[in-house]
Amino acid sequence: MTVPARQPAAHTADDRLIVALDVPNALAGEEMADRLGDAVSFYKIGLGMLTGGGLALASELKSRGKRVFLDLKLFDIGATVEAAVRGLAGFGLDFLTVHGDPHVVRAAIRGRGDAPTRILAVTVLTSLDRGDLDDMLIQPGETAEITLERARRALAAGADGVIASPQEAALIRALPEAAGRLIVTPGVRPAGAALGDQKRVATPAAALAAGADHIVVGRPVWAAPDPKAAAEAILAEIA
């Protein structure tokens, strides 16, 4: 008997919700996507999954008609970033992250070429606060001010959007350089959820109200007893 090829599903879910598949390997990622079904249309695959079959999972999700955000936060000399992005663009990714340093952003844009992949620049990680920035010898100033300036410079360098905490989304949205660009916010936690390793957080509805185009939610969905119900609760909140 001939098994029919899997046909990509239509995007019926609200793709403002991106579920981070921070699970051990591609098999676990596929199983989670099966459990979430048509409730979720957009997934993030991070660096922690890269050696566990992350690129294979990205291809599998794309074959199912899902959108894929590959969160690698690339940082290196320009030639290396350009080469890496050129290779990754062949996977048909929707979003790809690089660090927001202007030379990195420009290299990523060159590497992307005509591919539809959106290059998103990381500003300041949502797990960091001013004490962490001091340890990194980052210049003095409020975390929000530094995030805003890094976002402005990344967008001026050609980034299609930025990654920033919900607490800075409104400031970034007000930048002239942010017109028509994306703001994607990790560090989103439904009311009452544990913060985990995040320090600058907001609820899903608050993040979108502040100007975010997409919110990224991981543990509160995949670690829930019923992940699909957890995702549907978030979707109901932002609807």
Protein backbone atom coordinates (compact mmCIF):
# COMPACT_ATOMS: atom_id res chain seq x y z
CA MET A 1 0.00 0.00 0.00
CA THR A 2 1.31 3.43 -0.91
CA VAL A 3 1.51 5.86 1.99
CA PRO A 4 0.44 9.36 0.90
CA ALA A 5 3.00 12.11 1.38
CA ARG A 6 2.40 14.43 4.29
CA GLN A 7 0.76 17.62 3.06
CA PRO A 8 1.69 20.91 4.73
CA ALA A 9 -1.11 22.12 6.98
CA ALA A 10 -2.61 25.56 6.54
CA HIS A 11 -1.67 28.20 9.09
CA THR A 12 -4.83 28.31 11.19
CA ALA A 13 -3.33 29.12 14.60
CA ASP A 14 -2.43 32.60 15.83
CA ASP A 15 1.23 32.81 14.89
CA ARG A 16 1.87 35.64 17.32
CA LEU A 17 2.57 32.80 19.77
CA ILE A 18 5.90 31.10 19.18
CA VAL A 19 6.47 28.00 21.30
CA ALA A 20 10.10 27.36 22.21
CA LEU A 21 10.90 23.66 21.87
CA ASP A 22 13.56 23.61 24.59
CA VAL A 23 13.43 19.82 24.76
CA PRO A 24 16.40 17.40 24.58
CA ASN A 25 16.29 16.31 20.94
CA ALA A 26 14.41 16.31 17.66
CA LEU A 27 12.35 13.25 18.57
CA ALA A 28 11.06 14.97 21.71
CA GLY A 29 10.40 18.07 19.62
CA GLU A 30 8.32 16.12 17.12
CA GLU A 31 6.37 14.49 19.93
CA MET A 32 5.63 17.89 21.47
CA ALA A 33 4.53 19.27 18.10
CA ASP A 34 2.21 16.26 17.76
CA ARG A 35 0.71 16.99 21.19
CA LEU A 36 0.19 20.66 20.34
CA GLY A 37 -1.34 19.83 16.98
CA ASP A 38 -3.11 22.65 15.18
CA ALA A 39 -3.12 24.89 18.27
CA VAL A 40 0.41 26.12 17.46
CA SER A 41 1.79 27.14 14.07
CA PHE A 42 5.14 28.69 15.00
CA TYR A 43 8.06 27.06 16.81
CA LYS A 44 11.46 28.17 18.07
CA ILE A 45 14.45 25.84 17.97
CA GLY A 46 17.39 26.99 20.04
CA LEU A 47 21.10 26.34 20.33
CA GLY A 48 20.58 23.68 22.99
CA MET A 49 18.84 21.46 20.44
CA LEU A 50 21.39 21.95 17.66
CA THR A 51 23.37 18.79 18.42
CA GLY A 52 20.14 16.90 19.11
CA GLY A 53 18.89 17.15 15.54
CA GLY A 54 17.66 20.73 15.58
CA LEU A 55 18.09 21.32 11.85
CA ALA A 56 16.35 18.03 11.04
CA LEU A 57 13.50 19.09 13.31
CA ALA A 58 13.33 22.46 11.54
CA SER A 59 12.95 20.66 8.21
CA GLU A 60 10.29 18.32 9.61
CA LEU A 61 8.26 21.19 11.04
CA LYS A 62 8.47 23.10 7.76
CA SER A 63 7.19 19.98 5.95
CA ARG A 64 4.18 20.08 8.28
CA GLY A 65 3.43 23.65 7.23
CA LYS A 66 4.72 25.19 10.45
CA ARG A 67 6.79 28.34 10.76
CA VAL A 68 10.26 27.98 12.27
CA PHE A 69 12.41 30.39 14.25
CA LEU A 70 16.02 29.18 14.56
CA ASP A 71 17.51 30.92 17.58
CA LEU A 72 21.29 30.52 17.30
CA LYS A 73 22.35 34.08 18.23
CA LEU A 74 25.23 33.95 15.78
CA PHE A 75 28.30 36.03 16.60
CA ASP A 76 31.68 35.94 14.87
CA ILE A 77 33.73 37.82 12.32
CA GLY A 78 31.72 39.01 9.35
CA ALA A 79 32.90 36.39 6.86
CA THR A 80 32.02 33.54 9.20
CA VAL A 81 28.56 34.90 10.01
CA GLU A 82 27.89 35.48 6.32
CA ALA A 83 28.86 31.90 5.46
CA ALA A 84 26.80 30.43 8.30
CA VAL A 85 23.69 32.37 7.35
CA ARG A 86 24.12 31.48 3.68
CA GLY A 87 24.02 27.81 4.61
CA LEU A 88 21.14 28.12 7.06
CA ALA A 89 19.01 30.13 4.61
CA GLY A 90 18.65 26.96 2.55
CA PHE A 91 16.43 25.45 5.25
CA GLY A 92 13.60 27.85 4.49
CA LEU A 93 13.64 29.32 7.99
CA ASP A 94 11.25 32.11 8.88
CA PHE A 95 13.38 33.80 11.57
CA LEU A 96 17.08 33.52 12.42
CA THR A 97 18.83 35.34 15.26
CA VAL A 98 22.23 36.98 15.34
CA HIS A 99 23.79 39.24 17.94
CA GLY A 100 22.85 42.87 17.39
CA ASP A 101 26.35 44.21 16.74
CA PRO A 102 26.11 46.13 13.44
CA HIS A 103 28.94 44.24 11.72
CA VAL A 104 27.23 40.94 12.54
CA VAL A 105 23.85 42.15 11.27
CA ARG A 106 25.32 43.42 7.99
CA ALA A 107 27.13 40.12 7.43
CA ALA A 108 23.94 38.14 8.11
CA ILE A 109 21.99 40.23 5.61
CA ARG A 110 24.65 39.55 2.97
CA GLY A 111 24.55 35.83 3.74
CA ARG A 112 20.76 35.69 3.64
CA GLY A 113 20.72 37.03 0.08
CA ASP A 114 17.31 36.65 -1.56
CA ALA A 115 16.05 34.02 0.90
CA PRO A 116 12.87 34.97 2.82
CA THR A 117 14.48 34.36 6.23
CA ARG A 118 14.07 37.35 8.53
CA ILE A 119 17.23 38.33 10.40
CA LEU A 120 16.47 39.27 14.01
CA ALA A 121 19.06 40.99 16.17
CA VAL A 122 19.50 40.16 19.84
CA THR A 123 19.72 43.31 21.96
CA VAL A 124 20.28 42.31 25.61
CA LEU A 125 19.33 38.81 26.73
CA THR A 126 16.22 38.69 28.89
CA SER A 127 18.12 36.66 31.49
CA LEU A 128 20.50 39.58 32.14
CA ASP A 129 20.21 42.60 34.41
CA ARG A 130 22.51 45.51 35.23
CA GLY A 131 24.68 43.40 37.50
CA ASP A 132 25.31 40.97 34.65
CA LEU A 133 26.18 43.84 32.31
CA ASP A 134 28.68 45.12 34.87
CA ASP A 135 30.33 41.70 34.92
CA MET A 136 30.58 41.89 31.11
CA LEU A 137 32.18 45.36 31.22
CA ILE A 138 29.23 46.83 29.32
CA GLN A 139 29.13 50.64 29.56
CA PRO A 140 27.20 52.23 32.45
CA GLY A 141 23.52 53.00 32.03
CA GLU A 142 20.10 51.53 32.60
CA THR A 143 19.48 48.17 30.97
CA ALA A 144 16.54 49.62 29.04
CA GLU A 145 18.69 52.44 27.66
CA ILE A 146 21.38 50.05 26.46
CA THR A 147 18.78 47.72 24.94
CA LEU A 148 17.18 50.63 23.11
CA GLU A 149 20.47 51.85 21.65
CA ARG A 150 21.52 48.35 20.59
CA ALA A 151 18.14 47.93 18.90
CA ARG A 152 18.47 51.26 17.09
CA ARG A 153 21.93 50.41 15.77
CA ALA A 154 20.93 46.90 14.70
CA LEU A 155 17.88 48.17 12.82
CA ALA A 156 19.97 50.88 11.17
CA ALA A 157 22.36 48.13 10.04
CA GLY A 158 19.49 46.38 8.24
CA ALA A 159 18.01 43.90 10.73
CA ASP A 160 14.45 42.84 9.92
CA GLY A 161 13.63 43.05 13.61
CA VAL A 162 14.96 42.66 17.11
CA ILE A 163 14.72 40.36 20.08
CA ALA A 164 14.06 42.29 23.27
CA SER A 165 12.36 41.83 26.60
CA PRO A 166 8.70 42.86 26.92
CA GLN A 167 9.80 45.65 29.22
CA GLU A 168 11.63 47.43 26.39
CA ALA A 169 9.22 46.66 23.54
CA ALA A 170 7.33 49.96 23.77
CA LEU A 171 10.55 52.00 23.74
CA ILE A 172 11.82 50.14 20.70
CA ARG A 173 8.49 50.40 18.87
CA ALA A 174 8.71 54.20 19.22
CA LEU A 175 12.06 54.33 17.37
CA PRO A 176 11.86 55.73 13.82
CA GLU A 177 14.10 52.85 12.74
CA ALA A 178 11.52 50.35 14.03
CA ALA A 179 8.81 51.31 11.54
CA GLY A 180 7.77 48.19 9.67
CA ARG A 181 10.24 46.00 11.60
CA LEU A 182 9.52 43.08 13.91
CA ILE A 183 9.81 42.96 17.69
CA VAL A 184 9.93 39.45 19.13
CA THR A 185 9.82 39.09 22.90
CA PRO A 186 11.06 36.12 24.91
CA GLY A 187 10.79 36.33 28.69
CA VAL A 188 7.00 36.00 28.44
CA ARG A 189 5.28 34.27 31.33
CA PRO A 190 1.53 33.76 31.87
CA ALA A 191 0.31 35.18 35.18
CA GLY A 192 1.39 32.94 38.04
CA ALA A 193 4.03 31.04 36.04
CA ALA A 194 7.52 30.53 37.49
CA LEU A 195 10.14 32.93 36.14
CA GLY A 196 12.85 30.28 35.68
CA ASP A 197 16.06 31.95 34.49
CA GLN A 198 14.28 35.03 33.17
CA LYS A 199 14.59 38.42 34.90
CA ARG A 200 12.83 40.95 32.64
CA VAL A 201 9.39 39.48 31.98
CA ALA A 202 5.75 40.32 31.22
CA THR A 203 2.51 38.49 30.56
CA PRO A 204 1.60 37.59 26.95
CA ALA A 205 -1.08 40.27 26.63
CA ALA A 206 1.16 42.94 28.17
CA ALA A 207 4.02 42.10 25.79
CA LEU A 208 1.79 42.47 22.73
CA ALA A 209 0.22 45.64 24.08
CA ALA A 210 3.71 47.08 24.47
CA GLY A 211 4.39 46.66 20.76
CA ALA A 212 5.65 43.10 20.29
CA ASP A 213 4.68 41.29 17.09
CA HIS A 214 5.42 37.83 18.46
CA ILE A 215 5.86 36.37 21.93
CA VAL A 216 8.05 33.37 22.73
CA VAL A 217 6.87 30.98 25.45
CA GLY A 218 8.71 27.82 26.37
CA ARG A 219 8.47 26.08 29.75
CA PRO A 220 4.92 27.24 30.58
CA VAL A 221 3.79 25.27 27.51
CA TRP A 222 6.07 22.27 27.01
CA ALA A 223 6.47 21.55 30.74
CA ALA A 224 2.74 21.79 31.43
CA PRO A 225 0.78 18.61 32.21
CA ASP A 226 -1.37 19.40 29.17
CA PRO A 227 0.77 21.46 26.75
CA LYS A 228 -2.04 22.00 24.25
CA ALA A 229 -4.36 23.35 26.94
CA ALA A 230 -1.56 25.63 28.17
CA ALA A 231 -1.00 26.98 24.66
CA GLU A 232 -4.73 27.46 24.14
CA ALA A 233 -4.97 29.41 27.39
CA ILE A 234 -2.25 31.79 26.17
CA LEU A 235 -3.97 32.14 22.80
CA ALA A 236 -7.23 32.94 24.54
CA GLU A 237 -5.49 35.64 26.57
CA ILE A 238 -3.99 37.36 23.53
CA ALA A 239 -7.11 36.99 21.39
